[in-house]
Amino acid sequence: MGSSAKRKREKQKDFQKPKLKVGKARAKADNFTNTSFRSKAITLTTQSLHTTAPSTTYLFTHHLSLLTHHNATTRRESLSYLKTHLPAALSVTPSTTPNAISNLPTTSSLIASLLPLILDPSASVRAQLLTLLAHLPHTHLTLHTRKILLFVNSAMTHISSDIRMDSTKFLDWLLGASGEEVFSAGGWGVCLRGLCGCLGFGGAAGGGSSVIVPKVQDGKLALPHLAVLTNVKLPSRSNVYASLGLFDMLGSVSKGGVLPEADPEDRDSRIRYLIDGAGRGVFDSLVLGLGRLKKGGGEMGRAAGKALVILKAVDSEVVVE
């Protein structure tokens, strides 16, 4: 009987509510496991122990390398950093400031990293690039105008309509930065053909006169191109001694001893190019297309009229041979 009563009392303990006393902790369960631990130090494998911040040179190099990152946000943020810090750094020279920033990226490496982004598929990256270029000192870009123009021309003939749309924004920036010197090394005729393509004027490349005029609802797309077309005008200077070939590069003479047709650079050569040369098809396409856009009226018609006045004035000029 005694052992039976003992077992009965032990079973009843499981259903009895324990009496708690003030100041005493609750009794731990029989299956309690202590999981607490103490550590004197926590070690991070990537923890940096350097007390100085990364150098400016390192940061510029780092952000330039991120311009080829697969993520568009990363490319845009790196351009934003360069826009904030690079223009001021480039304007500082050792002769004016003893503590000038040294070992900055060269202009050639900078241009080589930035120009491919003119063809970037992300619109936000292209917009950030345009802002950065507008903040850079113009003196650092003068020697690279031809290379910049090559990427702009590639953008004007790109398969993506968004990239073609933004191409004239970069051309407008380049014209504002370099003025008439933009086409001093050539590329004016190619640029006119590219603008014809952006405006939707067909037949320019083949010399025909067929024109695809943009629809009225697409006027907002054509307006930026028309504004830039007005600025791609004839230069004010002329080179009456161009036929003598005094300033041609060595090796430009053909086997027959005749100078090849050079890319039109001065005012007279561009007029001949449009009226009697290889650019006659471009000229006819522009005149026909702009005339149709002018008839549409509105803001687009006024912009087309301004460009048309400049083109028609070319036909009335007399070129002295």
Protein backbone atom coordinates (compact mmCIF):
# COMPACT_ATOMS: atom_id res chain seq x y z
CA MET A 1 0.00 0.00 0.00
CA GLY A 2 2.82 2.40 0.82
CA SER A 3 4.45 2.26 -2.62
CA SER A 4 1.08 2.58 -4.33
CA ALA A 5 0.25 5.80 -2.42
CA LYS A 6 3.69 7.23 -3.24
CA ARG A 7 3.19 6.70 -6.95
CA LYS A 8 -0.23 8.30 -6.72
CA ARG A 9 1.22 11.41 -5.05
CA GLU A 10 3.95 11.73 -7.72
CA LYS A 11 1.36 11.61 -10.49
CA GLN A 12 -0.68 14.33 -8.81
CA LYS A 13 2.38 16.69 -8.80
CA ASP A 14 2.01 17.17 -12.52
CA PHE A 15 -1.44 18.72 -12.02
CA GLN A 16 -0.64 20.85 -8.99
CA LYS A 17 -0.06 24.59 -9.51
CA PRO A 18 3.27 25.62 -8.00
CA LYS A 19 3.19 28.28 -5.30
CA LEU A 20 5.30 31.30 -6.25
CA LYS A 21 7.03 33.43 -3.66
CA VAL A 22 8.08 37.05 -3.97
CA GLY A 23 11.81 37.44 -4.67
CA LYS A 24 12.29 33.86 -5.81
CA ALA A 25 12.68 32.83 -9.47
CA ARG A 26 10.35 30.31 -11.05
CA ALA A 27 11.67 26.81 -10.82
CA LYS A 28 13.23 25.56 -14.05
CA ALA A 29 11.71 22.65 -15.89
CA ASP A 30 13.34 19.25 -15.70
CA ASN A 31 14.24 19.33 -19.39
CA PHE A 32 15.71 22.90 -19.26
CA THR A 33 18.88 23.46 -21.34
CA ASN A 34 21.12 26.47 -20.78
CA THR A 35 21.79 28.15 -24.17
CA SER A 36 23.50 31.31 -22.93
CA PHE A 37 27.13 31.95 -23.78
CA ARG A 38 29.83 34.53 -23.23
CA SER A 39 32.40 35.81 -25.74
CA LYS A 40 35.33 38.12 -25.17
CA ALA A 41 35.51 39.28 -28.85
CA ILE A 42 33.68 39.03 -32.17
CA THR A 43 35.89 38.78 -35.28
CA LEU A 44 34.69 39.93 -38.70
CA THR A 45 36.62 38.53 -41.65
CA THR A 46 36.00 41.66 -43.78
CA GLN A 47 36.64 44.17 -41.03
CA SER A 48 39.03 46.97 -42.01
CA LEU A 49 41.48 48.18 -39.41
CA HIS A 50 42.67 51.20 -41.41
CA THR A 51 42.27 54.51 -39.60
CA THR A 52 42.41 56.63 -42.79
CA ALA A 53 39.71 56.97 -45.48
CA PRO A 54 40.36 55.78 -49.08
CA SER A 55 42.30 58.28 -51.18
CA THR A 56 40.59 60.45 -53.75
CA THR A 57 42.58 58.76 -56.50
CA TYR A 58 41.35 55.36 -55.38
CA LEU A 59 37.72 56.52 -55.29
CA PHE A 60 37.89 57.98 -58.80
CA THR A 61 39.46 54.80 -60.16
CA HIS A 62 36.90 52.69 -58.32
CA HIS A 63 33.88 54.58 -59.66
CA LEU A 64 35.29 54.63 -63.19
CA SER A 65 35.59 50.85 -63.05
CA LEU A 66 31.94 50.59 -61.94
CA LEU A 67 30.77 52.30 -65.14
CA THR A 68 30.86 48.87 -66.81
CA HIS A 69 28.83 47.22 -64.03
CA HIS A 70 25.86 45.14 -65.15
CA ASN A 71 23.50 47.00 -62.80
CA ALA A 72 22.17 50.30 -64.18
CA THR A 73 21.70 51.74 -60.68
CA THR A 74 25.38 51.15 -59.90
CA ARG A 75 26.44 52.86 -63.12
CA ARG A 76 24.16 55.82 -62.43
CA GLU A 77 25.39 56.24 -58.83
CA SER A 78 29.02 56.14 -59.95
CA LEU A 79 28.29 58.85 -62.50
CA SER A 80 26.62 60.87 -59.76
CA TYR A 81 29.73 60.59 -57.58
CA LEU A 82 31.96 61.67 -60.47
CA LYS A 83 29.68 64.61 -61.25
CA THR A 84 29.93 65.79 -57.64
CA HIS A 85 33.70 65.49 -57.19
CA LEU A 86 35.46 65.25 -60.55
CA PRO A 87 34.87 68.75 -62.03
CA ALA A 88 36.33 70.47 -58.97
CA ALA A 89 39.31 68.10 -58.94
CA LEU A 90 40.06 68.70 -62.63
CA SER A 91 39.93 72.48 -62.18
CA VAL A 92 42.63 72.36 -59.49
CA THR A 93 46.22 72.64 -60.74
CA PRO A 94 49.48 72.14 -58.78
CA SER A 95 50.66 75.60 -59.77
CA THR A 96 47.72 77.31 -58.11
CA THR A 97 47.27 75.04 -55.10
CA PRO A 98 50.21 73.42 -53.27
CA ASN A 99 48.04 70.56 -52.05
CA ALA A 100 46.40 69.85 -55.39
CA ILE A 101 45.00 66.40 -55.99
CA SER A 102 47.58 64.27 -57.76
CA ASN A 103 47.37 61.12 -59.86
CA LEU A 104 43.91 61.92 -61.21
CA PRO A 105 42.70 59.80 -64.13
CA THR A 106 43.98 61.13 -67.43
CA THR A 107 41.56 62.80 -69.79
CA SER A 108 42.04 59.97 -72.30
CA SER A 109 41.11 57.27 -69.76
CA LEU A 110 38.21 59.37 -68.52
CA ILE A 111 36.81 59.85 -72.03
CA ALA A 112 37.31 56.17 -72.82
CA SER A 113 35.24 55.22 -69.76
CA LEU A 114 32.44 57.76 -70.28
CA LEU A 115 31.78 57.72 -74.03
CA PRO A 116 30.38 54.15 -74.29
CA LEU A 117 27.60 55.22 -71.91
CA ILE A 118 26.17 57.42 -74.68
CA LEU A 119 24.87 54.09 -76.03
CA ASP A 120 23.78 52.80 -72.60
CA PRO A 121 20.39 51.04 -72.66
CA SER A 122 19.28 52.81 -69.47
CA ALA A 123 17.71 56.26 -69.95
CA SER A 124 18.62 57.31 -66.39
CA VAL A 125 22.29 56.46 -66.99
CA ARG A 126 22.35 58.50 -70.20
CA ALA A 127 20.70 61.44 -68.43
CA GLN A 128 23.25 61.30 -65.59
CA LEU A 129 26.09 61.08 -68.12
CA LEU A 130 24.85 64.19 -69.92
CA THR A 131 24.77 66.07 -66.61
CA LEU A 132 28.33 64.99 -65.82
CA LEU A 133 29.64 66.03 -69.24
CA ALA A 134 28.00 69.43 -68.89
CA HIS A 135 29.93 69.98 -65.63
CA LEU A 136 33.36 68.98 -66.98
CA PRO A 137 35.77 71.76 -68.05
CA HIS A 138 35.60 72.25 -71.81
CA THR A 139 39.39 72.46 -72.09
CA HIS A 140 39.65 68.78 -71.16
CA LEU A 141 37.40 67.77 -74.08
CA THR A 142 38.77 69.83 -76.97
CA LEU A 143 41.31 67.24 -78.11
CA HIS A 144 38.74 64.45 -77.99
CA THR A 145 35.97 66.10 -80.03
CA ARG A 146 36.36 63.71 -82.97
CA LYS A 147 36.10 60.64 -80.73
CA ILE A 148 33.04 62.08 -78.98
CA LEU A 149 31.40 62.79 -82.33
CA LEU A 150 31.92 59.17 -83.41
CA PHE A 151 29.89 57.93 -80.45
CA VAL A 152 27.20 60.58 -81.05
CA ASN A 153 26.90 59.50 -84.69
CA SER A 154 26.63 55.88 -83.54
CA ALA A 155 23.80 56.88 -81.21
CA MET A 156 21.95 58.69 -84.03
CA THR A 157 21.91 55.49 -86.09
CA HIS A 158 21.30 53.11 -83.18
CA ILE A 159 18.62 50.43 -83.41
CA SER A 160 17.02 51.67 -80.17
CA SER A 161 14.64 54.61 -80.67
CA ASP A 162 15.30 55.84 -77.12
CA ILE A 163 19.04 56.07 -77.76
CA ARG A 164 18.43 57.85 -81.07
CA MET A 165 16.14 60.27 -79.25
CA ASP A 166 18.85 61.17 -76.73
CA SER A 167 21.65 61.32 -79.32
CA THR A 168 20.91 64.90 -80.33
CA LYS A 169 21.07 65.95 -76.67
CA PHE A 170 24.71 64.92 -76.63
CA LEU A 171 25.27 66.62 -80.00
CA ASP A 172 23.69 69.81 -78.64
CA TRP A 173 26.01 69.67 -75.61
CA LEU A 174 29.04 69.13 -77.87
CA LEU A 175 28.08 72.07 -80.08
CA GLY A 176 27.75 74.28 -77.01
CA ALA A 177 31.11 73.13 -75.65
CA SER A 178 33.20 73.34 -78.85
CA GLY A 179 31.24 75.56 -81.23
CA GLU A 180 32.38 75.47 -84.87
CA GLU A 181 35.41 73.36 -83.93
CA VAL A 182 33.16 70.29 -83.53
CA PHE A 183 33.52 69.41 -87.22
CA SER A 184 37.01 70.80 -87.77
CA ALA A 185 38.37 67.25 -88.10
CA GLY A 186 35.47 66.02 -90.27
CA GLY A 187 32.16 64.33 -89.63
CA TRP A 188 29.80 67.12 -90.67
CA GLY A 189 28.29 65.22 -93.60
CA VAL A 190 27.82 62.06 -91.51
CA CYS A 191 26.16 64.14 -88.80
CA LEU A 192 23.65 65.58 -91.30
CA ARG A 193 22.75 62.07 -92.46
CA GLY A 194 22.28 61.02 -88.85
CA LEU A 195 19.93 63.94 -88.21
CA CYS A 196 17.93 62.97 -91.28
CA GLY A 197 17.51 59.50 -89.82
CA CYS A 198 16.45 60.86 -86.43
CA LEU A 199 13.85 63.08 -88.09
CA GLY A 200 12.52 60.18 -90.17
CA PHE A 201 13.51 61.67 -93.52
CA GLY A 202 14.23 58.68 -95.76
CA GLY A 203 16.27 58.70 -98.93
CA ALA A 204 19.14 60.75 -97.52
CA ALA A 205 21.65 57.93 -97.51
CA GLY A 206 20.87 56.83 -101.03
CA GLY A 207 20.53 60.30 -102.49
CA GLY A 208 16.82 59.97 -103.19
CA SER A 209 14.02 62.34 -102.31
CA SER A 210 11.60 60.03 -100.52
CA VAL A 211 10.63 61.44 -97.14
CA ILE A 212 8.88 59.92 -94.15
CA VAL A 213 7.57 62.91 -92.23
CA PRO A 214 6.98 62.34 -88.49
CA LYS A 215 3.35 62.28 -87.45
CA VAL A 216 1.83 65.30 -85.70
CA GLN A 217 1.51 63.40 -82.44
CA ASP A 218 5.24 62.69 -82.64
CA GLY A 219 6.05 66.39 -82.78
CA LYS A 220 7.56 66.40 -79.30
CA LEU A 221 10.02 63.79 -80.50
CA ALA A 222 11.02 65.79 -83.56
CA LEU A 223 11.42 69.18 -81.85
CA PRO A 224 14.78 68.47 -80.13
CA HIS A 225 16.20 67.18 -83.41
CA LEU A 226 15.02 70.28 -85.29
CA ALA A 227 16.61 72.59 -82.71
CA VAL A 228 19.96 70.84 -83.09
CA LEU A 229 19.68 70.81 -86.88
CA THR A 230 19.43 74.61 -86.80
CA ASN A 231 22.71 74.76 -84.85
CA VAL A 232 24.53 72.42 -87.25
CA LYS A 233 24.97 75.36 -89.58
CA LEU A 234 27.63 76.49 -92.00
CA PRO A 235 30.82 77.84 -90.38
CA SER A 236 31.68 81.49 -90.65
CA ARG A 237 35.19 80.92 -92.01
CA SER A 238 36.27 79.93 -95.51
CA ASN A 239 39.44 78.30 -96.82
CA VAL A 240 40.08 79.65 -100.30
CA TYR A 241 43.36 77.73 -100.55
CA ALA A 242 41.86 74.30 -99.84
CA SER A 243 42.32 73.20 -103.46
CA LEU A 244 46.11 73.57 -103.10
CA GLY A 245 46.22 70.92 -100.41
CA LEU A 246 48.72 72.90 -98.33
CA PHE A 247 47.47 71.56 -95.02
CA ASP A 248 46.59 67.99 -96.02
CA MET A 249 48.16 65.17 -94.06
CA LEU A 250 51.05 63.22 -95.54
CA GLY A 251 49.95 60.27 -97.62
CA SER A 252 46.69 61.89 -98.71
CA VAL A 253 47.75 61.94 -102.39
CA SER A 254 46.39 59.02 -104.38
CA LYS A 255 48.39 56.90 -106.81
CA GLY A 256 47.29 59.07 -109.71
CA GLY A 257 48.60 62.19 -107.98
CA VAL A 258 45.09 63.59 -107.40
CA LEU A 259 43.93 64.66 -104.00
CA PRO A 260 40.87 62.71 -102.84
CA GLU A 261 37.68 64.54 -101.95
CA ALA A 262 38.11 65.75 -98.38
CA ASP A 263 35.40 65.92 -95.77
CA PRO A 264 33.85 69.42 -95.95
CA GLU A 265 35.31 71.60 -93.23
CA ASP A 266 35.00 75.27 -94.20
CA ARG A 267 31.96 77.18 -95.43
CA ASP A 268 32.64 76.97 -99.17
CA SER A 269 33.37 73.25 -99.21
CA ARG A 270 30.17 72.50 -97.30
CA ILE A 271 28.10 74.50 -99.76
CA ARG A 272 29.65 72.57 -102.65
CA TYR A 273 29.02 69.32 -100.76
CA LEU A 274 25.30 70.10 -100.41
CA ILE A 275 24.65 71.64 -103.82
CA ASP A 276 26.96 69.85 -106.23
CA GLY A 277 28.53 67.06 -104.19
CA ALA A 278 27.70 63.87 -102.35
CA GLY A 279 25.38 65.69 -99.95
CA ARG A 280 22.81 66.74 -102.56
CA GLY A 281 20.51 63.89 -101.54
CA VAL A 282 20.72 65.00 -97.90
CA PHE A 283 19.95 68.57 -98.92
CA ASP A 284 16.89 67.60 -101.00
CA SER A 285 15.54 65.31 -98.28
CA LEU A 286 15.91 67.99 -95.62
CA VAL A 287 14.28 70.69 -97.74
CA LEU A 288 11.34 68.44 -98.66
CA GLY A 289 10.87 67.05 -95.17
CA LEU A 290 11.17 70.40 -93.40
CA GLY A 291 8.74 71.94 -95.88
CA ARG A 292 6.11 69.35 -95.01
CA LEU A 293 6.68 69.80 -91.29
CA LYS A 294 6.36 73.57 -91.69
CA LYS A 295 2.92 73.17 -93.25
CA GLY A 296 1.80 71.35 -90.10
CA GLY A 297 2.13 74.61 -88.16
CA GLY A 298 2.49 74.91 -84.43
CA GLU A 299 5.73 74.81 -82.53
CA MET A 300 7.09 72.06 -84.76
CA GLY A 301 6.25 74.06 -87.87
CA ARG A 302 8.04 77.14 -86.56
CA ALA A 303 11.15 75.12 -85.69
CA ALA A 304 11.13 73.49 -89.13
CA GLY A 305 10.79 76.92 -90.73
CA LYS A 306 13.92 78.22 -88.97
CA ALA A 307 15.98 75.28 -90.18
CA LEU A 308 14.51 75.62 -93.68
CA VAL A 309 15.58 79.28 -93.93
CA ILE A 310 19.20 78.31 -93.29
CA LEU A 311 19.12 75.52 -95.87
CA LYS A 312 17.50 77.64 -98.58
CA ALA A 313 20.08 80.37 -98.01
CA VAL A 314 22.77 77.85 -98.99
CA ASP A 315 21.30 77.48 -102.48
CA SER A 316 21.52 81.20 -103.10
CA GLU A 317 25.16 81.62 -102.04
CA VAL A 318 27.88 81.97 -104.65
CA VAL A 319 31.00 79.94 -103.98
CA VAL A 320 34.22 81.43 -105.29
CA GLU A 321 36.49 78.73 -106.67
